[in-house]
Amino acid sequence: MPGYDPPVVDAHAHVFLKDMPLADSAWLVPDYSFTAEDYLAVLDAHGVHFGVIAGISIFGQYNDYMLECLRRHRRLRGTVNVDPPVDRYTLQRMKDDGVVGIRLQLSRRSELPDLTTEPWRLLFRRVADLGWHVHVALEGRLMPRLLPQLEAGGMRIVLDHFAHPDVSQGLDGEGFTAVLRSIQKGRTWVKLSAGFRLTWESRSTGRPDPVAMELAQATADRLLKEAGPERLVWGSDCPFVGHENVQYADTLRWFEQWVPSREARRRMTDTALRLYFS
């Protein structure tokens, strides 16, 4: 796309049909569908080749449509929502379809699971054995509590949306410090995605909250300095559920603002290719 240097991989997007069964915990009900074909058309229009579909929390464990899309379109990979009792044979079949990890949606929960219990230990071992990662959504202030439990599982960890830094704590608080410490251990990555989600304000105003966008930039600066492009990937969060005023071109522009070095952006693409498509 003229004026942009698009990455090769968009590491965070969603596809869904509006009549899919909702989870009891759904925080929003889309009144539209966004199909794999819709998404690929957006990628093609902006010069992005590969996409990674994140399991979407509002539809719970209805992974069926996404799996169908992965089978049809080998440019796509995905992460699925599953419960710990899922068996290895089911996971292996999902891997054959193009799944590269599980989504662990822990944000907006009144209670968090104990990830040290036997069912979770078993699931994490299976994830590690498959060469997958756990894609985690969790509020930044809770990272010191949950990250050690995740690290003990032995699998790779990918934290979405800038690792959800806490506005009140800032980047020197315990939450973000725990993220940097986890990255330094060598099995944790962070997605630079959906900076507009770092506060809730933009949902009521219809435009990105300046506080959220400033926090996204500060977080990107800190991650580039202390983690480097080899521990970072970029994602659009298309189709921006709950924030539909955002345009895909906006996300490419923000990416270049967050990571102004073309070489660093290229290295992030290499990271994404290794993480999702190797």
C-alpha atoms as a PDB file:
ATOM      1  CA  MET A   1       0.000   0.000   0.000  1.00  0.00           C
ATOM      2  CA  PRO A   2       1.489   3.399  -0.974  1.00  0.00           C
ATOM      3  CA  GLY A   3       2.941   5.226   2.013  1.00  0.00           C
ATOM      4  CA  TYR A   4       3.294   2.087   4.123  1.00  0.00           C
ATOM      5  CA  ASP A   5       5.842  -0.657   4.538  1.00  0.00           C
ATOM      6  CA  PRO A   6       3.459  -3.504   5.398  1.00  0.00           C
ATOM      7  CA  PRO A   7       4.642  -6.466   7.448  1.00  0.00           C
ATOM      8  CA  VAL A   8       4.408  -9.981   6.059  1.00  0.00           C
ATOM      9  CA  VAL A   9       2.441 -11.336   9.045  1.00  0.00           C
ATOM     10  CA  ASP A  10      -0.567  -9.945  10.887  1.00  0.00           C
ATOM     11  CA  ALA A  11      -0.354 -11.882  14.154  1.00  0.00           C
ATOM     12  CA  HIS A  12      -3.762 -11.036  15.641  1.00  0.00           C
ATOM     13  CA  ALA A  13      -7.164 -11.006  13.946  1.00  0.00           C
ATOM     14  CA  HIS A  14     -10.591 -12.636  14.318  1.00  0.00           C
ATOM     15  CA  VAL A  15     -13.065 -14.286  11.976  1.00  0.00           C
ATOM     16  CA  PHE A  16     -16.635 -15.184  12.888  1.00  0.00           C
ATOM     17  CA  LEU A  17     -20.235 -15.519  11.762  1.00  0.00           C
ATOM     18  CA  LYS A  18     -22.853 -13.458  13.550  1.00  0.00           C
ATOM     19  CA  ASP A  19     -25.027 -16.507  14.263  1.00  0.00           C
ATOM     20  CA  MET A  20     -22.294 -18.472  16.083  1.00  0.00           C
ATOM     21  CA  PRO A  21     -23.237 -19.563  19.635  1.00  0.00           C
ATOM     22  CA  LEU A  22     -22.197 -17.028  22.252  1.00  0.00           C
ATOM     23  CA  ALA A  23     -20.323 -17.783  25.448  1.00  0.00           C
ATOM     24  CA  ASP A  24     -22.113 -16.983  28.704  1.00  0.00           C
ATOM     25  CA  SER A  25     -19.314 -14.506  29.420  1.00  0.00           C
ATOM     26  CA  ALA A  26     -19.678 -12.616  26.127  1.00  0.00           C
ATOM     27  CA  TRP A  27     -19.133  -8.911  26.762  1.00  0.00           C
ATOM     28  CA  LEU A  28     -20.435  -7.831  23.356  1.00  0.00           C
ATOM     29  CA  VAL A  29     -22.612  -9.295  20.584  1.00  0.00           C
ATOM     30  CA  PRO A  30     -21.488  -8.384  17.024  1.00  0.00           C
ATOM     31  CA  ASP A  31     -24.353  -7.731  14.615  1.00  0.00           C
ATOM     32  CA  TYR A  32     -22.235  -8.651  11.592  1.00  0.00           C
ATOM     33  CA  SER A  33     -20.051 -11.463  10.245  1.00  0.00           C
ATOM     34  CA  PHE A  34     -16.386 -11.178   9.342  1.00  0.00           C
ATOM     35  CA  THR A  35     -15.372 -14.174   7.279  1.00  0.00           C
ATOM     36  CA  ALA A  36     -11.947 -15.502   6.390  1.00  0.00           C
ATOM     37  CA  GLU A  37     -12.541 -14.293   2.853  1.00  0.00           C
ATOM     38  CA  ASP A  38     -13.329 -10.797   4.171  1.00  0.00           C
ATOM     39  CA  TYR A  39     -10.105 -10.842   6.174  1.00  0.00           C
ATOM     40  CA  LEU A  40      -7.940 -12.088   3.314  1.00  0.00           C
ATOM     41  CA  ALA A  41      -9.369  -9.374   1.074  1.00  0.00           C
ATOM     42  CA  VAL A  42      -8.297  -6.787   3.661  1.00  0.00           C
ATOM     43  CA  LEU A  43      -4.811  -8.314   3.846  1.00  0.00           C
ATOM     44  CA  ASP A  44      -4.488  -8.312   0.058  1.00  0.00           C
ATOM     45  CA  ALA A  45      -5.625  -4.692  -0.164  1.00  0.00           C
ATOM     46  CA  HIS A  46      -2.870  -3.668   2.241  1.00  0.00           C
ATOM     47  CA  GLY A  47      -0.008  -5.874   1.072  1.00  0.00           C
ATOM     48  CA  VAL A  48       0.025  -8.286   4.040  1.00  0.00           C
ATOM     49  CA  HIS A  49       0.370 -11.959   3.146  1.00  0.00           C
ATOM     50  CA  PHE A  50      -0.097 -14.134   6.277  1.00  0.00           C
ATOM     51  CA  GLY A  51      -2.612 -13.883   9.127  1.00  0.00           C
ATOM     52  CA  VAL A  52      -3.004 -15.452  12.563  1.00  0.00           C
ATOM     53  CA  ILE A  53      -6.572 -15.920  13.833  1.00  0.00           C
ATOM     54  CA  ALA A  54      -6.946 -15.595  17.592  1.00  0.00           C
ATOM     55  CA  GLY A  55      -9.664 -17.594  19.308  1.00  0.00           C
ATOM     56  CA  ILE A  56     -12.325 -15.008  20.132  1.00  0.00           C
ATOM     57  CA  SER A  57     -13.581 -15.000  23.718  1.00  0.00           C
ATOM     58  CA  ILE A  58     -17.174 -13.999  23.031  1.00  0.00           C
ATOM     59  CA  PHE A  59     -17.793 -17.279  21.170  1.00  0.00           C
ATOM     60  CA  GLY A  60     -16.182 -19.472  23.808  1.00  0.00           C
ATOM     61  CA  GLN A  61     -15.037 -22.880  22.580  1.00  0.00           C
ATOM     62  CA  TYR A  62     -16.862 -22.737  19.268  1.00  0.00           C
ATOM     63  CA  ASN A  63     -13.644 -23.117  17.275  1.00  0.00           C
ATOM     64  CA  ASP A  64     -15.447 -24.880  14.444  1.00  0.00           C
ATOM     65  CA  TYR A  65     -15.714 -22.007  11.986  1.00  0.00           C
ATOM     66  CA  MET A  66     -12.098 -20.940  12.455  1.00  0.00           C
ATOM     67  CA  LEU A  67     -10.861 -24.513  11.951  1.00  0.00           C
ATOM     68  CA  GLU A  68     -12.845 -24.715   8.730  1.00  0.00           C
ATOM     69  CA  CYS A  69     -11.211 -21.471   7.592  1.00  0.00           C
ATOM     70  CA  LEU A  70      -7.722 -22.719   8.413  1.00  0.00           C
ATOM     71  CA  ARG A  71      -8.314 -25.851   6.355  1.00  0.00           C
ATOM     72  CA  ARG A  72      -9.398 -23.759   3.367  1.00  0.00           C
ATOM     73  CA  HIS A  73      -6.719 -21.090   3.571  1.00  0.00           C
ATOM     74  CA  ARG A  74      -3.141 -22.141   4.249  1.00  0.00           C
ATOM     75  CA  ARG A  75      -2.100 -18.484   4.561  1.00  0.00           C
ATOM     76  CA  LEU A  76      -3.776 -18.535   7.951  1.00  0.00           C
ATOM     77  CA  ARG A  77      -2.861 -20.005  11.324  1.00  0.00           C
ATOM     78  CA  GLY A  78      -4.891 -19.912  14.528  1.00  0.00           C
ATOM     79  CA  THR A  79      -5.169 -20.335  18.272  1.00  0.00           C
ATOM     80  CA  VAL A  80      -8.114 -22.176  19.832  1.00  0.00           C
ATOM     81  CA  ASN A  81     -10.108 -21.899  23.053  1.00  0.00           C
ATOM     82  CA  VAL A  82     -10.107 -25.240  24.876  1.00  0.00           C
ATOM     83  CA  ASP A  83     -10.612 -26.611  28.371  1.00  0.00           C
ATOM     84  CA  PRO A  84      -7.826 -28.593  30.117  1.00  0.00           C
ATOM     85  CA  PRO A  85      -9.439 -32.042  29.596  1.00  0.00           C
ATOM     86  CA  VAL A  86      -9.033 -31.847  25.811  1.00  0.00           C
ATOM     87  CA  ASP A  87      -7.160 -34.931  24.611  1.00  0.00           C
ATOM     88  CA  ARG A  88      -3.950 -35.101  22.584  1.00  0.00           C
ATOM     89  CA  TYR A  89      -5.664 -36.667  19.559  1.00  0.00           C
ATOM     90  CA  THR A  90      -8.030 -33.696  19.250  1.00  0.00           C
ATOM     91  CA  LEU A  91      -5.158 -31.239  19.576  1.00  0.00           C
ATOM     92  CA  GLN A  92      -3.104 -33.120  16.976  1.00  0.00           C
ATOM     93  CA  ARG A  93      -5.972 -32.939  14.492  1.00  0.00           C
ATOM     94  CA  MET A  94      -6.206 -29.201  15.154  1.00  0.00           C
ATOM     95  CA  LYS A  95      -2.482 -28.868  14.512  1.00  0.00           C
ATOM     96  CA  ASP A  96      -2.928 -30.628  11.181  1.00  0.00           C
ATOM     97  CA  ASP A  97      -5.601 -28.046  10.339  1.00  0.00           C
ATOM     98  CA  GLY A  98      -3.243 -25.107  11.036  1.00  0.00           C
ATOM     99  CA  VAL A  99      -3.591 -24.431  14.771  1.00  0.00           C
ATOM    100  CA  VAL A 100      -0.381 -23.233  16.435  1.00  0.00           C
ATOM    101  CA  GLY A 101      -1.501 -22.635  20.019  1.00  0.00           C
ATOM    102  CA  ILE A 102      -4.257 -22.223  22.564  1.00  0.00           C
ATOM    103  CA  ARG A 103      -5.864 -18.954  23.641  1.00  0.00           C
ATOM    104  CA  LEU A 104      -6.056 -18.435  27.378  1.00  0.00           C
ATOM    105  CA  GLN A 105      -8.626 -15.702  27.975  1.00  0.00           C
ATOM    106  CA  LEU A 106      -8.103 -14.637  31.599  1.00  0.00           C
ATOM    107  CA  SER A 107      -9.030 -10.964  31.406  1.00  0.00           C
ATOM    108  CA  ARG A 108     -12.289  -9.626  32.835  1.00  0.00           C
ATOM    109  CA  ARG A 109     -12.564 -12.589  35.227  1.00  0.00           C
ATOM    110  CA  SER A 110     -13.728 -12.298  38.823  1.00  0.00           C
ATOM    111  CA  GLU A 111     -11.706 -15.402  39.707  1.00  0.00           C
ATOM    112  CA  LEU A 112      -8.557 -16.796  38.115  1.00  0.00           C
ATOM    113  CA  PRO A 113      -7.838 -20.518  37.735  1.00  0.00           C
ATOM    114  CA  ASP A 114      -4.986 -22.190  39.584  1.00  0.00           C
ATOM    115  CA  LEU A 115      -2.713 -23.099  36.673  1.00  0.00           C
ATOM    116  CA  THR A 116      -0.579 -25.335  38.882  1.00  0.00           C
ATOM    117  CA  THR A 117      -3.281 -28.000  39.219  1.00  0.00           C
ATOM    118  CA  GLU A 118      -3.056 -31.343  37.424  1.00  0.00           C
ATOM    119  CA  PRO A 119      -5.496 -30.600  34.558  1.00  0.00           C
ATOM    120  CA  TRP A 120      -3.634 -27.428  33.591  1.00  0.00           C
ATOM    121  CA  ARG A 121      -0.217 -29.062  33.953  1.00  0.00           C
ATOM    122  CA  LEU A 122      -1.383 -31.817  31.618  1.00  0.00           C
ATOM    123  CA  LEU A 123      -2.717 -29.354  29.043  1.00  0.00           C
ATOM    124  CA  PHE A 124       0.457 -27.267  29.100  1.00  0.00           C
ATOM    125  CA  ARG A 125       2.624 -30.356  28.626  1.00  0.00           C
ATOM    126  CA  ARG A 126       0.550 -31.315  25.592  1.00  0.00           C
ATOM    127  CA  VAL A 127       0.886 -27.785  24.224  1.00  0.00           C
ATOM    128  CA  ALA A 128       4.655 -27.929  24.709  1.00  0.00           C
ATOM    129  CA  ASP A 129       4.885 -31.397  23.135  1.00  0.00           C
ATOM    130  CA  LEU A 130       3.064 -30.096  20.051  1.00  0.00           C
ATOM    131  CA  GLY A 131       5.486 -27.166  19.727  1.00  0.00           C
ATOM    132  CA  TRP A 132       2.610 -24.738  20.319  1.00  0.00           C
ATOM    133  CA  HIS A 133       2.358 -21.619  22.459  1.00  0.00           C
ATOM    134  CA  VAL A 134      -0.187 -20.272  24.926  1.00  0.00           C
ATOM    135  CA  HIS A 135      -1.647 -16.962  23.785  1.00  0.00           C
ATOM    136  CA  VAL A 136      -2.575 -15.110  26.976  1.00  0.00           C
ATOM    137  CA  ALA A 137      -4.991 -12.261  27.589  1.00  0.00           C
ATOM    138  CA  LEU A 138      -4.522 -11.014  31.155  1.00  0.00           C
ATOM    139  CA  GLU A 139      -4.576  -7.665  32.920  1.00  0.00           C
ATOM    140  CA  GLY A 140      -1.082  -6.336  33.561  1.00  0.00           C
ATOM    141  CA  ARG A 141      -1.525  -6.011  37.307  1.00  0.00           C
ATOM    142  CA  LEU A 142      -2.085  -9.794  37.508  1.00  0.00           C
ATOM    143  CA  MET A 143       1.045 -10.763  35.571  1.00  0.00           C
ATOM    144  CA  PRO A 144       3.213 -11.269  38.700  1.00  0.00           C
ATOM    145  CA  ARG A 145       0.724 -13.841  39.960  1.00  0.00           C
ATOM    146  CA  LEU A 146       0.059 -15.804  36.760  1.00  0.00           C
ATOM    147  CA  LEU A 147       3.258 -15.609  34.726  1.00  0.00           C
ATOM    148  CA  PRO A 148       5.277 -17.888  37.053  1.00  0.00           C
ATOM    149  CA  GLN A 149       2.505 -20.496  36.813  1.00  0.00           C
ATOM    150  CA  LEU A 150       2.565 -20.273  33.022  1.00  0.00           C
ATOM    151  CA  GLU A 151       6.359 -20.414  32.856  1.00  0.00           C
ATOM    152  CA  ALA A 152       6.322 -23.608  34.910  1.00  0.00           C
ATOM    153  CA  GLY A 153       4.323 -25.259  32.113  1.00  0.00           C
ATOM    154  CA  GLY A 154       7.383 -25.270  29.841  1.00  0.00           C
ATOM    155  CA  MET A 155       5.614 -24.028  26.710  1.00  0.00           C
ATOM    156  CA  ARG A 156       6.094 -20.776  24.809  1.00  0.00           C
ATOM    157  CA  ILE A 157       4.014 -17.809  25.980  1.00  0.00           C
ATOM    158  CA  VAL A 158       2.649 -14.969  23.835  1.00  0.00           C
ATOM    159  CA  LEU A 159       1.079 -11.997  25.639  1.00  0.00           C
ATOM    160  CA  ASP A 160      -1.389 -10.033  23.563  1.00  0.00           C
ATOM    161  CA  HIS A 161      -2.079  -6.296  23.348  1.00  0.00           C
ATOM    162  CA  PHE A 162       1.239  -4.972  24.684  1.00  0.00           C
ATOM    163  CA  ALA A 163       0.909  -7.377  27.669  1.00  0.00           C
ATOM    164  CA  HIS A 164      -1.940  -5.137  28.891  1.00  0.00           C
ATOM    165  CA  PRO A 165       0.148  -2.637  30.893  1.00  0.00           C
ATOM    166  CA  ASP A 166      -1.755  -1.185  33.824  1.00  0.00           C
ATOM    167  CA  VAL A 167      -2.445   2.545  33.441  1.00  0.00           C
ATOM    168  CA  SER A 168      -2.282   3.165  37.185  1.00  0.00           C
ATOM    169  CA  GLN A 169       0.951   1.194  37.697  1.00  0.00           C
ATOM    170  CA  GLY A 170       2.788   2.420  34.628  1.00  0.00           C
ATOM    171  CA  LEU A 171       5.795   0.663  33.144  1.00  0.00           C
ATOM    172  CA  ASP A 172       7.837   0.661  36.355  1.00  0.00           C
ATOM    173  CA  GLY A 173       5.210  -1.184  38.378  1.00  0.00           C
ATOM    174  CA  GLU A 174       5.235  -4.831  39.385  1.00  0.00           C
ATOM    175  CA  GLY A 175       3.048  -5.927  36.479  1.00  0.00           C
ATOM    176  CA  PHE A 176       5.229  -4.763  33.596  1.00  0.00           C
ATOM    177  CA  THR A 177       8.399  -5.635  35.506  1.00  0.00           C
ATOM    178  CA  ALA A 178       7.117  -9.231  35.664  1.00  0.00           C
ATOM    179  CA  VAL A 179       6.579  -9.170  31.882  1.00  0.00           C
ATOM    180  CA  LEU A 180      10.140  -8.010  31.204  1.00  0.00           C
ATOM    181  CA  ARG A 181      11.490 -10.616  33.599  1.00  0.00           C
ATOM    182  CA  SER A 182       9.526 -13.339  31.797  1.00  0.00           C
ATOM    183  CA  ILE A 183      10.801 -12.197  28.390  1.00  0.00           C
ATOM    184  CA  GLN A 184      14.371 -12.359  29.649  1.00  0.00           C
ATOM    185  CA  LYS A 185      13.873 -16.038  30.498  1.00  0.00           C
ATOM    186  CA  GLY A 186      13.615 -16.749  26.776  1.00  0.00           C
ATOM    187  CA  ARG A 187      10.165 -18.280  26.194  1.00  0.00           C
ATOM    188  CA  THR A 188       7.876 -15.234  26.230  1.00  0.00           C
ATOM    189  CA  TRP A 189       6.850 -12.907  23.374  1.00  0.00           C
ATOM    190  CA  VAL A 190       4.567  -9.835  23.251  1.00  0.00           C
ATOM    191  CA  LYS A 191       2.168  -8.672  20.543  1.00  0.00           C
ATOM    192  CA  LEU A 192       2.125  -4.998  19.655  1.00  0.00           C
ATOM    193  CA  SER A 193      -1.578  -4.969  18.891  1.00  0.00           C
ATOM    194  CA  ALA A 194      -4.742  -3.013  19.690  1.00  0.00           C
ATOM    195  CA  GLY A 195      -3.173  -0.088  21.501  1.00  0.00           C
ATOM    196  CA  PHE A 196      -6.657   1.444  21.616  1.00  0.00           C
ATOM    197  CA  ARG A 197      -7.729  -1.339  24.002  1.00  0.00           C
ATOM    198  CA  LEU A 198      -5.320  -0.313  26.766  1.00  0.00           C
ATOM    199  CA  THR A 199      -8.097   1.800  28.292  1.00  0.00           C
ATOM    200  CA  TRP A 200     -11.874   1.492  27.992  1.00  0.00           C
ATOM    201  CA  GLU A 201     -12.428   5.123  27.046  1.00  0.00           C
ATOM    202  CA  SER A 202     -12.427   4.708  23.268  1.00  0.00           C
ATOM    203  CA  ARG A 203     -15.513   2.495  23.325  1.00  0.00           C
ATOM    204  CA  SER A 204     -17.605   5.407  24.565  1.00  0.00           C
ATOM    205  CA  THR A 205     -16.063   8.152  22.395  1.00  0.00           C
ATOM    206  CA  GLY A 206     -15.750   6.263  19.105  1.00  0.00           C
ATOM    207  CA  ARG A 207     -12.093   7.203  18.662  1.00  0.00           C
ATOM    208  CA  PRO A 208      -8.840   5.957  20.191  1.00  0.00           C
ATOM    209  CA  ASP A 209      -8.216   7.305  23.678  1.00  0.00           C
ATOM    210  CA  PRO A 210      -5.053   9.475  23.699  1.00  0.00           C
ATOM    211  CA  VAL A 211      -4.093   8.006  27.076  1.00  0.00           C
ATOM    212  CA  ALA A 212      -4.221   4.488  25.634  1.00  0.00           C
ATOM    213  CA  MET A 213      -2.250   5.436  22.542  1.00  0.00           C
ATOM    214  CA  GLU A 214       0.413   7.240  24.590  1.00  0.00           C
ATOM    215  CA  LEU A 215       0.737   4.165  26.803  1.00  0.00           C
ATOM    216  CA  ALA A 216       1.037   1.949  23.714  1.00  0.00           C
ATOM    217  CA  GLN A 217       3.874   4.074  22.345  1.00  0.00           C
ATOM    218  CA  ALA A 218       5.701   4.159  25.675  1.00  0.00           C
ATOM    219  CA  THR A 219       5.318   0.397  26.028  1.00  0.00           C
ATOM    220  CA  ALA A 220       6.595  -0.231  22.503  1.00  0.00           C
ATOM    221  CA  ASP A 221       9.610   1.980  23.185  1.00  0.00           C
ATOM    222  CA  ARG A 222      10.397   0.088  26.376  1.00  0.00           C
ATOM    223  CA  LEU A 223       9.915  -3.349  24.813  1.00  0.00           C
ATOM    224  CA  LEU A 224      12.122  -2.513  21.840  1.00  0.00           C
ATOM    225  CA  LYS A 225      14.842  -1.313  24.186  1.00  0.00           C
ATOM    226  CA  GLU A 226      14.714  -4.130  26.734  1.00  0.00           C
ATOM    227  CA  ALA A 227      13.347  -7.093  24.750  1.00  0.00           C
ATOM    228  CA  GLY A 228      14.182  -6.321  21.128  1.00  0.00           C
ATOM    229  CA  PRO A 229      12.339  -7.187  17.893  1.00  0.00           C
ATOM    230  CA  GLU A 230      13.116 -10.884  18.340  1.00  0.00           C
ATOM    231  CA  ARG A 231      10.578 -10.991  21.186  1.00  0.00           C
ATOM    232  CA  LEU A 232       7.886  -8.911  19.503  1.00  0.00           C
ATOM    233  CA  VAL A 233       5.250  -9.433  16.821  1.00  0.00           C
ATOM    234  CA  TRP A 234       2.645  -7.102  15.355  1.00  0.00           C
ATOM    235  CA  GLY A 235      -1.098  -7.657  15.071  1.00  0.00           C
ATOM    236  CA  SER A 236      -3.942  -5.531  13.744  1.00  0.00           C
ATOM    237  CA  ASP A 237      -6.831  -6.925  15.854  1.00  0.00           C
ATOM    238  CA  CYS A 238      -8.997  -6.736  12.709  1.00  0.00           C
ATOM    239  CA  PRO A 239     -12.024  -6.346  12.529  1.00  0.00           C
ATOM    240  CA  PHE A 240     -11.697  -4.312  15.750  1.00  0.00           C
ATOM    241  CA  VAL A 241     -14.699  -5.752  17.575  1.00  0.00           C
ATOM    242  CA  GLY A 242     -16.276  -3.052  19.732  1.00  0.00           C
ATOM    243  CA  HIS A 243     -14.057  -0.418  18.050  1.00  0.00           C
ATOM    244  CA  GLU A 244     -15.278  -0.668  14.460  1.00  0.00           C
ATOM    245  CA  ASN A 245     -14.344   2.955  13.737  1.00  0.00           C
ATOM    246  CA  VAL A 246     -10.720   1.787  13.459  1.00  0.00           C
ATOM    247  CA  GLN A 247      -9.495   1.172   9.900  1.00  0.00           C
ATOM    248  CA  TYR A 248      -6.831  -1.342   8.861  1.00  0.00           C
ATOM    249  CA  ALA A 249      -4.691   1.453   7.434  1.00  0.00           C
ATOM    250  CA  ASP A 250      -4.719   3.034  10.909  1.00  0.00           C
ATOM    251  CA  THR A 251      -3.081  -0.065  12.359  1.00  0.00           C
ATOM    252  CA  LEU A 252      -0.293   0.003   9.765  1.00  0.00           C
ATOM    253  CA  ARG A 253       0.331   3.664  10.501  1.00  0.00           C
ATOM    254  CA  TRP A 254       0.427   2.987  14.228  1.00  0.00           C
ATOM    255  CA  PHE A 255       2.850   0.096  13.691  1.00  0.00           C
ATOM    256  CA  GLU A 256       5.288   2.423  11.955  1.00  0.00           C
ATOM    257  CA  GLN A 257       4.901   4.917  14.800  1.00  0.00           C
ATOM    258  CA  TRP A 258       5.470   2.263  17.459  1.00  0.00           C
ATOM    259  CA  VAL A 259       8.458   0.799  15.606  1.00  0.00           C
ATOM    260  CA  PRO A 260       9.989   3.579  13.479  1.00  0.00           C
ATOM    261  CA  SER A 261      12.993   1.505  12.402  1.00  0.00           C
ATOM    262  CA  ARG A 262      12.323  -0.381   9.179  1.00  0.00           C
ATOM    263  CA  GLU A 263      14.998  -2.913  10.119  1.00  0.00           C
ATOM    264  CA  ALA A 264      13.325  -3.555  13.495  1.00  0.00           C
ATOM    265  CA  ARG A 265       9.974  -4.080  11.754  1.00  0.00           C
ATOM    266  CA  ARG A 266      11.585  -6.570   9.378  1.00  0.00           C
ATOM    267  CA  ARG A 267      13.083  -8.439  12.323  1.00  0.00           C
ATOM    268  CA  MET A 268       9.643  -8.580  13.939  1.00  0.00           C
ATOM    269  CA  THR A 269       8.294 -10.132  10.735  1.00  0.00           C
ATOM    270  CA  ASP A 270      11.042 -12.756  10.910  1.00  0.00           C
ATOM    271  CA  THR A 271      10.016 -13.433  14.515  1.00  0.00           C
ATOM    272  CA  ALA A 272       6.382 -13.905  13.494  1.00  0.00           C
ATOM    273  CA  LEU A 273       7.288 -16.246  10.660  1.00  0.00           C
ATOM    274  CA  ARG A 274       9.336 -18.418  13.022  1.00  0.00           C
ATOM    275  CA  LEU A 275       6.691 -18.365  15.738  1.00  0.00           C
ATOM    276  CA  TYR A 276       3.634 -19.128  13.605  1.00  0.00           C
ATOM    277  CA  PHE A 277       4.707 -20.510  10.214  1.00  0.00           C
ATOM    278  CA  SER A 278       7.905 -22.511  10.698  1.00  0.00           C
END
